[in-house]
Amino acid sequence: MTTSITITPAIPTDAQTLALIGAASFLDGFAGDLDGPSIVRHCHEHHSVAAYQSLFAHGAKAWLATEPKGAPVGYAMTTAPDIPGMADGDVELKRIYLLSRYQGSGAAKALLDAVIASAKAAKRLILGVYEHNTRALAFYAKSGFTPVATRQFNMGGTMCNDQVLALDLDLFSKDPQ
């Protein structure tokens, strides 16, 4: 599907919208692969309005993707890194979520482009991706991210493994001579 997606900066008052997209896309992406009750617990803990308000209060930045009729279909969010062992100058792509119906539409690339444009002062963009999320891993590899570490994370009481990926932002900030 190719459709016209609009990317706009999100603000703290968009927390309810981000929570809705976050929970819906997390459930859509992992139902059938991960334990259902763990997914629900994870969404209650990490995709609540209060969780997004807290992220904004601690300096998070976000971008919202909407389809032509104005429905929100995805978002991206950056934060200070909370991945152990990352370097000064890193920015974490905390989330880039997109409803499955809009995957392949160019919306994920548009969201990533907005993130990269805003993070030019940073040295690297880092993120963690569930090790079995092959579609996301392929997207990030195609976008220039490379593996730098692994980590475990608690997803609603179930321990999961992430691949930690990084994108060197110096490649985007150097002016061609």
Protein backbone atom coordinates (compact mmCIF):
# COMPACT_ATOMS: atom_id res chain seq x y z
CA MET A 1 0.00 0.00 0.00
CA THR A 2 1.27 3.44 -0.87
CA THR A 3 -0.48 6.28 0.87
CA SER A 4 0.22 9.85 1.81
CA ILE A 5 1.37 10.00 5.42
CA THR A 6 1.89 13.25 7.31
CA ILE A 7 4.57 13.45 9.99
CA THR A 8 4.21 16.12 12.68
CA PRO A 9 5.95 16.70 16.01
CA ALA A 10 4.00 15.23 18.93
CA ILE A 11 3.61 17.13 22.18
CA PRO A 12 2.72 16.07 25.72
CA THR A 13 -1.01 16.52 25.06
CA ASP A 14 -0.65 13.75 22.44
CA ALA A 15 0.15 11.21 25.19
CA GLN A 16 -3.27 9.56 24.90
CA THR A 17 -2.87 9.13 21.15
CA LEU A 18 0.65 7.72 21.51
CA ALA A 19 -0.55 5.32 24.22
CA LEU A 20 -3.34 4.06 21.97
CA ILE A 21 -1.02 3.51 19.00
CA GLY A 22 1.68 2.01 21.21
CA ALA A 23 -0.59 -0.57 22.82
CA ALA A 24 -2.40 -1.41 19.59
CA SER A 25 0.76 -1.86 17.53
CA PHE A 26 2.54 -3.81 20.31
CA LEU A 27 -0.38 -6.21 20.61
CA ASP A 28 -0.71 -6.45 16.83
CA GLY A 29 3.00 -7.09 16.41
CA PHE A 30 3.53 -9.68 19.12
CA ALA A 31 0.23 -11.52 19.66
CA GLY A 32 0.87 -15.16 18.84
CA ASP A 33 4.64 -14.79 19.32
CA LEU A 34 4.80 -13.80 23.01
CA ASP A 35 2.75 -14.74 26.06
CA GLY A 36 -0.61 -12.92 25.92
CA PRO A 37 -0.89 -11.95 29.61
CA SER A 38 2.69 -10.62 29.48
CA ILE A 39 1.82 -8.49 26.45
CA VAL A 40 -1.19 -7.05 28.26
CA ARG A 41 0.87 -6.31 31.41
CA HIS A 42 3.58 -4.70 29.29
CA CYS A 43 1.04 -2.48 27.53
CA HIS A 44 -0.54 -1.42 30.85
CA GLU A 45 2.90 -0.53 32.23
CA HIS A 46 4.60 1.01 29.19
CA HIS A 47 1.77 2.19 26.96
CA SER A 48 -0.37 4.07 29.46
CA VAL A 49 -1.05 7.78 29.17
CA ALA A 50 0.92 8.30 32.39
CA ALA A 51 3.93 6.43 30.96
CA TYR A 52 3.99 8.72 27.91
CA GLN A 53 3.51 11.83 30.03
CA SER A 54 6.48 10.74 32.13
CA LEU A 55 8.62 10.19 29.03
CA PHE A 56 7.79 13.71 27.81
CA ALA A 57 8.48 15.13 31.28
CA HIS A 58 11.96 13.58 31.10
CA GLY A 59 12.81 15.14 27.73
CA ALA A 60 11.43 12.69 25.19
CA LYS A 61 10.69 13.93 21.68
CA ALA A 62 8.09 12.31 19.44
CA TRP A 63 6.65 12.47 15.94
CA LEU A 64 3.19 11.37 14.93
CA ALA A 65 2.24 9.77 11.61
CA THR A 66 -1.30 10.36 10.35
CA GLU A 67 -3.09 9.12 7.27
CA PRO A 68 -4.97 11.47 4.90
CA LYS A 69 -8.23 11.36 6.90
CA GLY A 70 -6.36 12.31 10.07
CA ALA A 71 -6.26 8.97 11.88
CA PRO A 72 -3.01 8.38 13.80
CA VAL A 73 -1.21 5.31 12.42
CA GLY A 74 2.22 5.44 14.01
CA TYR A 75 4.83 7.38 15.88
CA ALA A 76 8.51 7.57 16.74
CA MET A 77 9.99 8.66 20.06
CA THR A 78 13.53 9.45 21.19
CA THR A 79 14.90 9.66 24.72
CA ALA A 80 18.20 9.85 26.51
CA PRO A 81 19.63 6.33 26.30
CA ASP A 82 18.76 3.84 29.01
CA ILE A 83 20.62 0.99 27.32
CA PRO A 84 23.63 0.04 29.47
CA GLY A 85 27.06 0.73 28.01
CA MET A 86 26.05 3.35 25.48
CA ALA A 87 28.26 6.39 24.89
CA ASP A 88 27.91 10.11 25.48
CA GLY A 89 26.33 11.65 22.43
CA ASP A 90 23.96 8.72 21.83
CA VAL A 91 20.22 9.26 21.44
CA GLU A 92 17.88 6.32 21.86
CA LEU A 93 15.11 5.65 19.38
CA LYS A 94 12.86 4.44 22.18
CA ARG A 95 9.99 3.50 19.93
CA ILE A 96 9.02 3.53 16.31
CA TYR A 97 5.61 1.93 16.06
CA LEU A 98 3.35 1.68 13.07
CA LEU A 99 0.04 -0.10 12.64
CA SER A 100 0.65 -3.18 10.49
CA ARG A 101 -1.75 -1.96 7.81
CA TYR A 102 0.67 0.94 7.15
CA GLN A 103 3.89 -1.05 7.15
CA GLY A 104 5.44 -0.86 3.71
CA SER A 105 3.76 2.49 3.03
CA GLY A 106 6.87 4.60 3.54
CA ALA A 107 5.61 5.86 6.91
CA ALA A 108 8.38 4.15 8.93
CA LYS A 109 11.05 5.74 6.72
CA ALA A 110 9.37 9.13 7.05
CA LEU A 111 9.31 8.75 10.85
CA LEU A 112 12.96 7.67 10.90
CA ASP A 113 13.90 10.62 8.67
CA ALA A 114 12.21 13.01 11.14
CA VAL A 115 14.13 11.43 14.02
CA ILE A 116 17.46 11.66 12.18
CA ALA A 117 16.83 15.29 11.22
CA SER A 118 16.21 16.19 14.86
CA ALA A 119 19.21 14.26 16.23
CA LYS A 120 21.97 15.78 14.13
CA ALA A 121 23.86 16.99 17.21
CA ALA A 122 24.05 13.40 18.45
CA LYS A 123 26.79 10.99 17.41
CA ARG A 124 24.67 7.84 17.17
CA LEU A 125 21.07 6.81 17.15
CA ILE A 126 20.65 3.57 19.12
CA LEU A 127 17.73 1.23 19.67
CA GLY A 128 16.79 -2.19 20.94
CA VAL A 129 14.81 -4.60 18.75
CA TYR A 130 13.27 -7.88 19.86
CA GLU A 131 15.53 -10.57 18.41
CA HIS A 132 12.66 -12.31 16.57
CA ASN A 133 11.20 -9.14 15.02
CA THR A 134 12.64 -9.94 11.59
CA ARG A 135 10.70 -7.26 9.76
CA ALA A 136 12.00 -4.50 12.04
CA LEU A 137 15.54 -5.89 11.96
CA ALA A 138 15.46 -5.87 8.15
CA PHE A 139 14.13 -2.29 8.08
CA TYR A 140 16.88 -1.08 10.40
CA ALA A 141 19.61 -2.94 8.49
CA LYS A 142 18.35 -1.38 5.23
CA SER A 143 18.42 2.02 6.98
CA GLY A 144 22.10 1.63 7.92
CA PHE A 145 21.89 0.41 11.54
CA THR A 146 24.47 -2.14 12.67
CA PRO A 147 24.45 -4.48 15.69
CA VAL A 148 26.50 -3.24 18.67
CA ALA A 149 25.25 -5.30 21.64
CA THR A 150 22.50 -7.50 23.02
CA ARG A 151 20.40 -7.06 26.13
CA GLN A 152 17.59 -8.71 28.02
CA PHE A 153 14.41 -6.88 28.88
CA ASN A 154 11.38 -7.69 30.96
CA MET A 155 8.25 -7.68 28.83
CA GLY A 156 5.39 -7.90 31.32
CA GLY A 157 7.08 -10.64 33.35
CA THR A 158 8.61 -12.53 30.41
CA MET A 159 12.33 -12.10 29.79
CA CYS A 160 13.14 -11.35 26.13
CA ASN A 161 16.30 -10.64 24.17
CA ASP A 162 16.96 -7.51 22.13
CA GLN A 163 19.54 -6.78 19.52
CA VAL A 164 20.95 -3.33 20.19
CA LEU A 165 21.58 -1.47 16.94
CA ALA A 166 23.30 1.83 16.19
CA LEU A 167 23.31 4.29 13.32
CA ASP A 168 26.31 6.62 12.97
CA LEU A 169 24.74 10.06 12.59
CA ASP A 170 28.03 11.62 11.45
CA LEU A 171 27.16 10.13 8.06
CA PHE A 172 24.18 12.49 7.91
CA SER A 173 25.71 15.63 9.37
CA LYS A 174 28.82 16.02 7.25
CA ASP A 175 28.49 18.56 4.48
CA PRO A 176 29.61 17.28 1.07
CA GLN A 177 32.63 19.19 -0.25
